[in-house]
Amino acid sequence: MTKHDAVRELAPDRLGSVRGAECTLGVYKPGFRYRKESLRFFRACVGDDVYSKAMNSEAGKAHHYAVARAFLDQPDWEKFVWIEEHGSLDSFPG
């Protein structure tokens, strides 16, 4: 079992979308300061059980944003990124 197998078991069909992309709304840029707030949003989207399993995996501990991307659909991913940059959904353009 590799360190990312726990996430693959939880979201096997979504891992293909966890890749870098051009800089547009919803593309993660490391260094944002509101990680706690974005992770609260992620937890609200997926529920406590999935959140705990995902974030306690090796992948979740190393790359919280990649694990969130594996579970969130595009609109929620864009909100996650916005929250991580701005701290809340206030002024979210969507």
C-alpha atoms as a PDB file:
ATOM      1  CA  MET A   1       0.000   0.000   0.000  1.00  0.00           C
ATOM      2  CA  THR A   2       1.461   3.362  -1.006  1.00  0.00           C
ATOM      3  CA  LYS A   3       1.046   6.492   1.052  1.00  0.00           C
ATOM      4  CA  HIS A   4      -1.809   7.707  -1.186  1.00  0.00           C
ATOM      5  CA  ASP A   5      -3.857   4.484  -1.278  1.00  0.00           C
ATOM      6  CA  ALA A   6      -6.158   5.660   1.517  1.00  0.00           C
ATOM      7  CA  VAL A   7      -7.235   8.602  -0.624  1.00  0.00           C
ATOM      8  CA  ARG A   8      -7.528   6.433  -3.746  1.00  0.00           C
ATOM      9  CA  GLU A   9      -9.939   4.158  -1.884  1.00  0.00           C
ATOM     10  CA  LEU A  10     -12.080   7.126  -0.824  1.00  0.00           C
ATOM     11  CA  ALA A  11     -12.165   8.990  -4.152  1.00  0.00           C
ATOM     12  CA  PRO A  12     -10.834   6.789  -6.967  1.00  0.00           C
ATOM     13  CA  ASP A  13     -12.646   8.529  -9.823  1.00  0.00           C
ATOM     14  CA  ARG A  14     -11.546  12.036  -8.819  1.00  0.00           C
ATOM     15  CA  LEU A  15      -7.785  11.655  -8.537  1.00  0.00           C
ATOM     16  CA  GLY A  16      -7.272  12.282 -12.253  1.00  0.00           C
ATOM     17  CA  SER A  17      -8.359  15.884 -11.754  1.00  0.00           C
ATOM     18  CA  VAL A  18      -5.730  16.622  -9.129  1.00  0.00           C
ATOM     19  CA  ARG A  19      -3.186  18.342 -11.355  1.00  0.00           C
ATOM     20  CA  GLY A  20      -1.649  21.744 -11.877  1.00  0.00           C
ATOM     21  CA  ALA A  21      -3.365  24.072 -14.312  1.00  0.00           C
ATOM     22  CA  GLU A  22      -3.325  27.590 -15.640  1.00  0.00           C
ATOM     23  CA  CYS A  23      -3.921  30.353 -13.107  1.00  0.00           C
ATOM     24  CA  THR A  24      -7.676  30.835 -13.106  1.00  0.00           C
ATOM     25  CA  LEU A  25     -10.314  30.946 -10.395  1.00  0.00           C
ATOM     26  CA  GLY A  26     -10.214  27.672  -8.542  1.00  0.00           C
ATOM     27  CA  VAL A  27      -6.564  26.856  -9.184  1.00  0.00           C
ATOM     28  CA  TYR A  28      -4.649  26.416  -5.973  1.00  0.00           C
ATOM     29  CA  LYS A  29      -1.662  28.678  -5.372  1.00  0.00           C
ATOM     30  CA  PRO A  30       0.322  27.657  -2.265  1.00  0.00           C
ATOM     31  CA  GLY A  31       0.920  30.187   0.447  1.00  0.00           C
ATOM     32  CA  PHE A  32      -2.569  31.245   1.340  1.00  0.00           C
ATOM     33  CA  ARG A  33      -3.034  31.998   5.002  1.00  0.00           C
ATOM     34  CA  TYR A  34      -6.576  30.813   5.741  1.00  0.00           C
ATOM     35  CA  ARG A  35      -6.004  27.060   5.791  1.00  0.00           C
ATOM     36  CA  LYS A  36      -8.186  26.458   8.872  1.00  0.00           C
ATOM     37  CA  GLU A  37     -11.141  28.227   7.303  1.00  0.00           C
ATOM     38  CA  SER A  38     -10.828  26.373   4.001  1.00  0.00           C
ATOM     39  CA  LEU A  39     -10.526  23.035   5.787  1.00  0.00           C
ATOM     40  CA  ARG A  40     -13.691  23.837   7.756  1.00  0.00           C
ATOM     41  CA  PHE A  41     -15.467  24.361   4.444  1.00  0.00           C
ATOM     42  CA  PHE A  42     -14.017  21.092   3.067  1.00  0.00           C
ATOM     43  CA  ARG A  43     -15.264  19.231   6.150  1.00  0.00           C
ATOM     44  CA  ALA A  44     -18.756  20.740   5.771  1.00  0.00           C
ATOM     45  CA  CYS A  45     -18.833  19.582   2.142  1.00  0.00           C
ATOM     46  CA  VAL A  46     -17.748  15.977   2.669  1.00  0.00           C
ATOM     47  CA  GLY A  47     -18.822  15.199   6.234  1.00  0.00           C
ATOM     48  CA  ASP A  48     -16.857  14.274   9.327  1.00  0.00           C
ATOM     49  CA  ASP A  49     -16.094  10.639   8.433  1.00  0.00           C
ATOM     50  CA  VAL A  50     -14.677  11.263   4.953  1.00  0.00           C
ATOM     51  CA  TYR A  51     -12.852  14.382   6.146  1.00  0.00           C
ATOM     52  CA  SER A  52     -11.163  12.489   8.990  1.00  0.00           C
ATOM     53  CA  LYS A  53     -10.106   9.603   6.769  1.00  0.00           C
ATOM     54  CA  ALA A  54      -8.829  11.908   4.047  1.00  0.00           C
ATOM     55  CA  MET A  55      -6.954  14.314   6.290  1.00  0.00           C
ATOM     56  CA  ASN A  56      -5.435  11.552   8.420  1.00  0.00           C
ATOM     57  CA  SER A  57      -4.005   9.852   5.341  1.00  0.00           C
ATOM     58  CA  GLU A  58      -0.381  10.486   4.372  1.00  0.00           C
ATOM     59  CA  ALA A  59      -1.595  12.469   1.366  1.00  0.00           C
ATOM     60  CA  GLY A  60      -3.870  14.625   3.531  1.00  0.00           C
ATOM     61  CA  LYS A  61      -1.113  15.364   5.997  1.00  0.00           C
ATOM     62  CA  ALA A  62       1.308  16.332   3.227  1.00  0.00           C
ATOM     63  CA  HIS A  63      -0.975  18.094   0.731  1.00  0.00           C
ATOM     64  CA  HIS A  64      -4.316  19.171   2.169  1.00  0.00           C
ATOM     65  CA  TYR A  65      -5.254  21.021  -1.006  1.00  0.00           C
ATOM     66  CA  ALA A  66      -4.700  17.990  -3.273  1.00  0.00           C
ATOM     67  CA  VAL A  67      -6.894  15.836  -1.072  1.00  0.00           C
ATOM     68  CA  ALA A  68      -9.575  18.531  -0.990  1.00  0.00           C
ATOM     69  CA  ARG A  69      -9.410  18.743  -4.788  1.00  0.00           C
ATOM     70  CA  ALA A  70      -9.934  14.985  -5.061  1.00  0.00           C
ATOM     71  CA  PHE A  71     -13.242  15.259  -3.213  1.00  0.00           C
ATOM     72  CA  LEU A  72     -14.696  18.632  -4.153  1.00  0.00           C
ATOM     73  CA  ASP A  73     -16.573  19.298  -7.367  1.00  0.00           C
ATOM     74  CA  GLN A  74     -15.462  22.318  -9.395  1.00  0.00           C
ATOM     75  CA  PRO A  75     -17.807  24.910  -7.791  1.00  0.00           C
ATOM     76  CA  ASP A  76     -16.871  23.828  -4.254  1.00  0.00           C
ATOM     77  CA  TRP A  77     -13.185  23.683  -5.203  1.00  0.00           C
ATOM     78  CA  GLU A  78     -13.378  27.296  -6.387  1.00  0.00           C
ATOM     79  CA  LYS A  79     -14.950  28.242  -3.050  1.00  0.00           C
ATOM     80  CA  PHE A  80     -12.257  26.301  -1.146  1.00  0.00           C
ATOM     81  CA  VAL A  81      -9.509  28.223  -2.967  1.00  0.00           C
ATOM     82  CA  TRP A  82     -11.306  31.543  -2.439  1.00  0.00           C
ATOM     83  CA  ILE A  83     -11.675  30.872   1.287  1.00  0.00           C
ATOM     84  CA  GLU A  84      -8.025  29.881   1.578  1.00  0.00           C
ATOM     85  CA  GLU A  85      -7.023  33.198   0.032  1.00  0.00           C
ATOM     86  CA  HIS A  86      -9.655  35.517   1.561  1.00  0.00           C
ATOM     87  CA  GLY A  87     -10.768  33.786   4.778  1.00  0.00           C
ATOM     88  CA  SER A  88     -14.468  33.546   3.920  1.00  0.00           C
ATOM     89  CA  LEU A  89     -16.896  33.518   1.000  1.00  0.00           C
ATOM     90  CA  ASP A  90     -17.550  37.243   1.410  1.00  0.00           C
ATOM     91  CA  SER A  91     -17.208  38.863  -2.020  1.00  0.00           C
ATOM     92  CA  PHE A  92     -16.959  35.468  -3.748  1.00  0.00           C
ATOM     93  CA  PRO A  93     -17.639  36.179  -7.421  1.00  0.00           C
ATOM     94  CA  GLY A  94     -19.812  33.096  -7.979  1.00  0.00           C
END
